[in-house]
Amino acid sequence: MASSSSSLKRSIDNVEVSKENISPKKRINLELTSFQLKIVDIFNNVDLTTPTELL
């Protein structure tokens, strides 16, 4: 049982490393989808900082 949990931990570590290898430009899609635009509108309506401004 211990060996399977350690292999699971290894695979999780591998996933985290692969995420770090992705360049920020590829990770963040600069084109906002209509869903994201609705969220930005909601934030603007209540006068809060939009999530895209925080990046």
PDB file of N, CA and C in Angstrom:
ATOM      1  N   MET A   1       0.831  -1.211   0.000  1.00  0.00           N
ATOM      2  CA  MET A   1       0.000   0.000   0.000  1.00  0.00           C
ATOM      3  C   MET A   1       0.866   1.263   0.000  1.00  0.00           C
ATOM      4  N   ALA A   2       1.974   1.211   0.717  1.00  0.00           N
ATOM      5  CA  ALA A   2       2.835   2.391   0.800  1.00  0.00           C
ATOM      6  C   ALA A   2       3.449   2.723  -0.552  1.00  0.00           C
ATOM      7  N   SER A   3       3.770   1.690  -1.330  1.00  0.00           N
ATOM      8  CA  SER A   3       4.403   1.954  -2.621  1.00  0.00           C
ATOM      9  C   SER A   3       3.442   2.669  -3.568  1.00  0.00           C
ATOM     10  N   SER A   4       2.154   2.310  -3.516  1.00  0.00           N
ATOM     11  CA  SER A   4       1.207   2.967  -4.423  1.00  0.00           C
ATOM     12  C   SER A   4       1.007   4.432  -4.039  1.00  0.00           C
ATOM     13  N   SER A   5       1.012   4.733  -2.741  1.00  0.00           N
ATOM     14  CA  SER A   5       0.849   6.132  -2.345  1.00  0.00           C
ATOM     15  C   SER A   5       2.078   6.959  -2.712  1.00  0.00           C
ATOM     16  N   SER A   6       3.259   6.356  -2.621  1.00  0.00           N
ATOM     17  CA  SER A   6       4.458   7.113  -2.995  1.00  0.00           C
ATOM     18  C   SER A   6       4.503   7.342  -4.499  1.00  0.00           C
ATOM     19  N   SER A   7       4.042   6.376  -5.285  1.00  0.00           N
ATOM     20  CA  SER A   7       4.018   6.589  -6.738  1.00  0.00           C
ATOM     21  C   SER A   7       2.977   7.647  -7.097  1.00  0.00           C
ATOM     22  N   LEU A   8       1.875   7.690  -6.349  1.00  0.00           N
ATOM     23  CA  LEU A   8       0.865   8.725  -6.580  1.00  0.00           C
ATOM     24  C   LEU A   8       1.454  10.097  -6.273  1.00  0.00           C
ATOM     25  N   LYS A   9       2.199  10.190  -5.182  1.00  0.00           N
ATOM     26  CA  LYS A   9       2.831  11.465  -4.845  1.00  0.00           C
ATOM     27  C   LYS A   9       3.815  11.885  -5.928  1.00  0.00           C
ATOM     28  N   ARG A  10       4.569  10.926  -6.448  1.00  0.00           N
ATOM     29  CA  ARG A  10       5.507  11.239  -7.536  1.00  0.00           C
ATOM     30  C   ARG A  10       4.769  11.793  -8.745  1.00  0.00           C
ATOM     31  N   SER A  11       3.642  11.176  -9.098  1.00  0.00           N
ATOM     32  CA  SER A  11       2.913  11.652 -10.279  1.00  0.00           C
ATOM     33  C   SER A  11       2.340  13.046 -10.033  1.00  0.00           C
ATOM     34  N   ILE A  12       1.914  13.328  -8.800  1.00  0.00           N
ATOM     35  CA  ILE A  12       1.420  14.671  -8.482  1.00  0.00           C
ATOM     36  C   ILE A  12       2.559  15.681  -8.602  1.00  0.00           C
ATOM     37  N   ASP A  13       3.742  15.324  -8.108  1.00  0.00           N
ATOM     38  CA  ASP A  13       4.900  16.210  -8.236  1.00  0.00           C
ATOM     39  C   ASP A  13       5.220  16.470  -9.703  1.00  0.00           C
ATOM     40  N   ASN A  14       5.116  15.440 -10.526  1.00  0.00           N
ATOM     41  CA  ASN A  14       5.392  15.605 -11.953  1.00  0.00           C
ATOM     42  C   ASN A  14       4.408  16.571 -12.593  1.00  0.00           C
ATOM     43  N   VAL A  15       3.149  16.511 -12.198  1.00  0.00           N
ATOM     44  CA  VAL A  15       2.141  17.424 -12.743  1.00  0.00           C
ATOM     45  C   VAL A  15       2.475  18.857 -12.346  1.00  0.00           C
ATOM     46  N   GLU A  16       2.847  19.064 -11.080  1.00  0.00           N
ATOM     47  CA  GLU A  16       3.181  20.415 -10.626  1.00  0.00           C
ATOM     48  C   GLU A  16       4.395  20.966 -11.366  1.00  0.00           C
ATOM     49  N   VAL A  17       5.379  20.137 -11.612  1.00  0.00           N
ATOM     50  CA  VAL A  17       6.570  20.575 -12.342  1.00  0.00           C
ATOM     51  C   VAL A  17       6.199  20.938 -13.773  1.00  0.00           C
ATOM     52  N   SER A  18       5.344  20.137 -14.400  1.00  0.00           N
ATOM     53  CA  SER A  18       4.982  20.419 -15.793  1.00  0.00           C
ATOM     54  C   SER A  18       4.200  21.724 -15.899  1.00  0.00           C
ATOM     55  N   LYS A  19       3.409  22.059 -14.887  1.00  0.00           N
ATOM     56  CA  LYS A  19       2.700  23.341 -14.904  1.00  0.00           C
ATOM     57  C   LYS A  19       3.693  24.507 -14.853  1.00  0.00           C
ATOM     58  N   GLU A  20       4.751  24.340 -14.068  1.00  0.00           N
ATOM     59  CA  GLU A  20       5.745  25.409 -13.944  1.00  0.00           C
ATOM     60  C   GLU A  20       6.513  25.608 -15.247  1.00  0.00           C
ATOM     61  N   ASN A  21       6.622  24.555 -16.040  1.00  0.00           N
ATOM     62  CA  ASN A  21       7.372  24.645 -17.290  1.00  0.00           C
ATOM     63  C   ASN A  21       6.605  25.383 -18.381  1.00  0.00           C
ATOM     64  N   ILE A  22       5.294  25.511 -18.216  1.00  0.00           N
ATOM     65  CA  ILE A  22       4.496  26.225 -19.213  1.00  0.00           C
ATOM     66  C   ILE A  22       4.755  27.721 -19.047  1.00  0.00           C
ATOM     67  N   SER A  23       5.042  28.390 -20.138  1.00  0.00           N
ATOM     68  CA  SER A  23       5.319  29.826 -20.047  1.00  0.00           C
ATOM     69  C   SER A  23       4.041  30.577 -19.689  1.00  0.00           C
ATOM     70  N   PRO A  24       4.145  31.684 -18.962  1.00  0.00           N
ATOM     71  CA  PRO A  24       2.957  32.447 -18.555  1.00  0.00           C
ATOM     72  C   PRO A  24       2.111  32.889 -19.739  1.00  0.00           C
ATOM     73  N   LYS A  25       2.758  33.168 -20.870  1.00  0.00           N
ATOM     74  CA  LYS A  25       2.002  33.604 -22.043  1.00  0.00           C
ATOM     75  C   LYS A  25       1.067  32.509 -22.525  1.00  0.00           C
ATOM     76  N   LYS A  26       1.519  31.257 -22.436  1.00  0.00           N
ATOM     77  CA  LYS A  26       0.669  30.150 -22.872  1.00  0.00           C
ATOM     78  C   LYS A  26      -0.400  29.847 -21.832  1.00  0.00           C
ATOM     79  N   ARG A  27      -0.069  30.069 -20.563  1.00  0.00           N
ATOM     80  CA  ARG A  27      -1.016  29.733 -19.505  1.00  0.00           C
ATOM     81  C   ARG A  27      -2.205  30.687 -19.502  1.00  0.00           C
ATOM     82  N   ILE A  28      -1.940  31.969 -19.728  1.00  0.00           N
ATOM     83  CA  ILE A  28      -2.999  32.971 -19.665  1.00  0.00           C
ATOM     84  C   ILE A  28      -3.471  33.270 -21.081  1.00  0.00           C
ATOM     85  N   ASN A  29      -4.715  32.958 -21.345  1.00  0.00           N
ATOM     86  CA  ASN A  29      -5.276  33.257 -22.656  1.00  0.00           C
ATOM     87  C   ASN A  29      -5.680  34.727 -22.663  1.00  0.00           C
ATOM     88  N   LEU A  30      -5.067  35.521 -23.534  1.00  0.00           N
ATOM     89  CA  LEU A  30      -5.297  36.961 -23.506  1.00  0.00           C
ATOM     90  C   LEU A  30      -6.664  37.352 -24.055  1.00  0.00           C
ATOM     91  N   GLU A  31      -7.264  36.491 -24.875  1.00  0.00           N
ATOM     92  CA  GLU A  31      -8.594  36.794 -25.391  1.00  0.00           C
ATOM     93  C   GLU A  31      -9.623  36.392 -24.344  1.00  0.00           C
ATOM     94  N   LEU A  32     -10.444  37.342 -23.934  1.00  0.00           N
ATOM     95  CA  LEU A  32     -11.469  37.041 -22.945  1.00  0.00           C
ATOM     96  C   LEU A  32     -12.660  36.380 -23.629  1.00  0.00           C
ATOM     97  N   THR A  33     -13.159  35.326 -23.023  1.00  0.00           N
ATOM     98  CA  THR A  33     -14.367  34.695 -23.535  1.00  0.00           C
ATOM     99  C   THR A  33     -15.564  35.524 -23.094  1.00  0.00           C
ATOM    100  N   SER A  34     -16.718  35.253 -23.676  1.00  0.00           N
ATOM    101  CA  SER A  34     -17.917  36.010 -23.302  1.00  0.00           C
ATOM    102  C   SER A  34     -18.245  35.802 -21.825  1.00  0.00           C
ATOM    103  N   PHE A  35     -17.970  34.594 -21.316  1.00  0.00           N
ATOM    104  CA  PHE A  35     -18.205  34.326 -19.902  1.00  0.00           C
ATOM    105  C   PHE A  35     -17.301  35.197 -19.035  1.00  0.00           C
ATOM    106  N   GLN A  36     -16.027  35.295 -19.418  1.00  0.00           N
ATOM    107  CA  GLN A  36     -15.097  36.129 -18.657  1.00  0.00           C
ATOM    108  C   GLN A  36     -15.490  37.598 -18.751  1.00  0.00           C
ATOM    109  N   LEU A  37     -15.960  38.013 -19.923  1.00  0.00           N
ATOM    110  CA  LEU A  37     -16.386  39.408 -20.078  1.00  0.00           C
ATOM    111  C   LEU A  37     -17.572  39.717 -19.171  1.00  0.00           C
ATOM    112  N   LYS A  38     -18.487  38.752 -19.011  1.00  0.00           N
ATOM    113  CA  LYS A  38     -19.623  38.954 -18.101  1.00  0.00           C
ATOM    114  C   LYS A  38     -19.130  39.130 -16.670  1.00  0.00           C
ATOM    115  N   ILE A  39     -18.154  38.325 -16.289  1.00  0.00           N
ATOM    116  CA  ILE A  39     -17.594  38.437 -14.936  1.00  0.00           C
ATOM    117  C   ILE A  39     -16.928  39.799 -14.756  1.00  0.00           C
ATOM    118  N   VAL A  40     -16.172  40.245 -15.762  1.00  0.00           N
ATOM    119  CA  VAL A  40     -15.526  41.559 -15.691  1.00  0.00           C
ATOM    120  C   VAL A  40     -16.582  42.650 -15.559  1.00  0.00           C
ATOM    121  N   ASP A  41     -17.674  42.531 -16.314  1.00  0.00           N
ATOM    122  CA  ASP A  41     -18.759  43.513 -16.219  1.00  0.00           C
ATOM    123  C   ASP A  41     -19.353  43.542 -14.820  1.00  0.00           C
ATOM    124  N   ILE A  42     -19.539  42.361 -14.229  1.00  0.00           N
ATOM    125  CA  ILE A  42     -20.091  42.290 -12.872  1.00  0.00           C
ATOM    126  C   ILE A  42     -19.149  42.987 -11.895  1.00  0.00           C
ATOM    127  N   PHE A  43     -17.859  42.722 -12.014  1.00  0.00           N
ATOM    128  CA  PHE A  43     -16.887  43.381 -11.141  1.00  0.00           C
ATOM    129  C   PHE A  43     -16.913  44.893 -11.343  1.00  0.00           C
ATOM    130  N   ASN A  44     -16.986  45.324 -12.594  1.00  0.00           N
ATOM    131  CA  ASN A  44     -17.007  46.760 -12.870  1.00  0.00           C
ATOM    132  C   ASN A  44     -18.269  47.411 -12.318  1.00  0.00           C
ATOM    133  N   ASN A  45     -19.388  46.699 -12.389  1.00  0.00           N
ATOM    134  CA  ASN A  45     -20.651  47.253 -11.906  1.00  0.00           C
ATOM    135  C   ASN A  45     -20.626  47.497 -10.405  1.00  0.00           C
ATOM    136  N   VAL A  46     -19.935  46.657  -9.673  1.00  0.00           N
ATOM    137  CA  VAL A  46     -19.857  46.843  -8.220  1.00  0.00           C
ATOM    138  C   VAL A  46     -18.581  47.578  -7.826  1.00  0.00           C
ATOM    139  N   ASP A  47     -17.862  48.074  -8.827  1.00  0.00           N
ATOM    140  CA  ASP A  47     -16.686  48.917  -8.596  1.00  0.00           C
ATOM    141  C   ASP A  47     -15.570  48.191  -7.845  1.00  0.00           C
ATOM    142  N   LEU A  48     -15.309  46.963  -8.250  1.00  0.00           N
ATOM    143  CA  LEU A  48     -14.203  46.202  -7.675  1.00  0.00           C
ATOM    144  C   LEU A  48     -13.105  46.055  -8.719  1.00  0.00           C
ATOM    145  N   THR A  49     -11.932  45.691  -8.263  1.00  0.00           N
ATOM    146  CA  THR A  49     -10.833  45.423  -9.183  1.00  0.00           C
ATOM    147  C   THR A  49     -11.114  44.111  -9.905  1.00  0.00           C
ATOM    148  N   THR A  50     -11.010  44.111 -11.216  1.00  0.00           N
ATOM    149  CA  THR A  50     -11.281  42.886 -11.963  1.00  0.00           C
ATOM    150  C   THR A  50     -10.121  41.918 -11.809  1.00  0.00           C
ATOM    151  N   PRO A  51     -10.405  40.620 -11.883  1.00  0.00           N
ATOM    152  CA  PRO A  51      -9.333  39.624 -11.743  1.00  0.00           C
ATOM    153  C   PRO A  51      -8.216  39.819 -12.762  1.00  0.00           C
ATOM    154  N   THR A  52      -8.542  40.284 -13.968  1.00  0.00           N
ATOM    155  CA  THR A  52      -7.500  40.456 -14.984  1.00  0.00           C
ATOM    156  C   THR A  52      -6.545  41.580 -14.612  1.00  0.00           C
ATOM    157  N   GLU A  53      -7.015  42.564 -13.859  1.00  0.00           N
ATOM    158  CA  GLU A  53      -6.138  43.654 -13.432  1.00  0.00           C
ATOM    159  C   GLU A  53      -5.174  43.196 -12.342  1.00  0.00           C
ATOM    160  N   LEU A  54      -5.542  42.131 -11.646  1.00  0.00           N
ATOM    161  CA  LEU A  54      -4.695  41.633 -10.568  1.00  0.00           C
ATOM    162  C   LEU A  54      -3.523  40.825 -11.094  1.00  0.00           C
ATOM    163  N   LEU A  55      -3.599  40.365 -12.339  1.00  0.00           N
ATOM    164  CA  LEU A  55      -2.533  39.527 -12.895  1.00  0.00           C
ATOM    165  C   LEU A  55      -1.301  40.347 -13.189  1.00  0.00           C
TER     166      LEU A  55
END
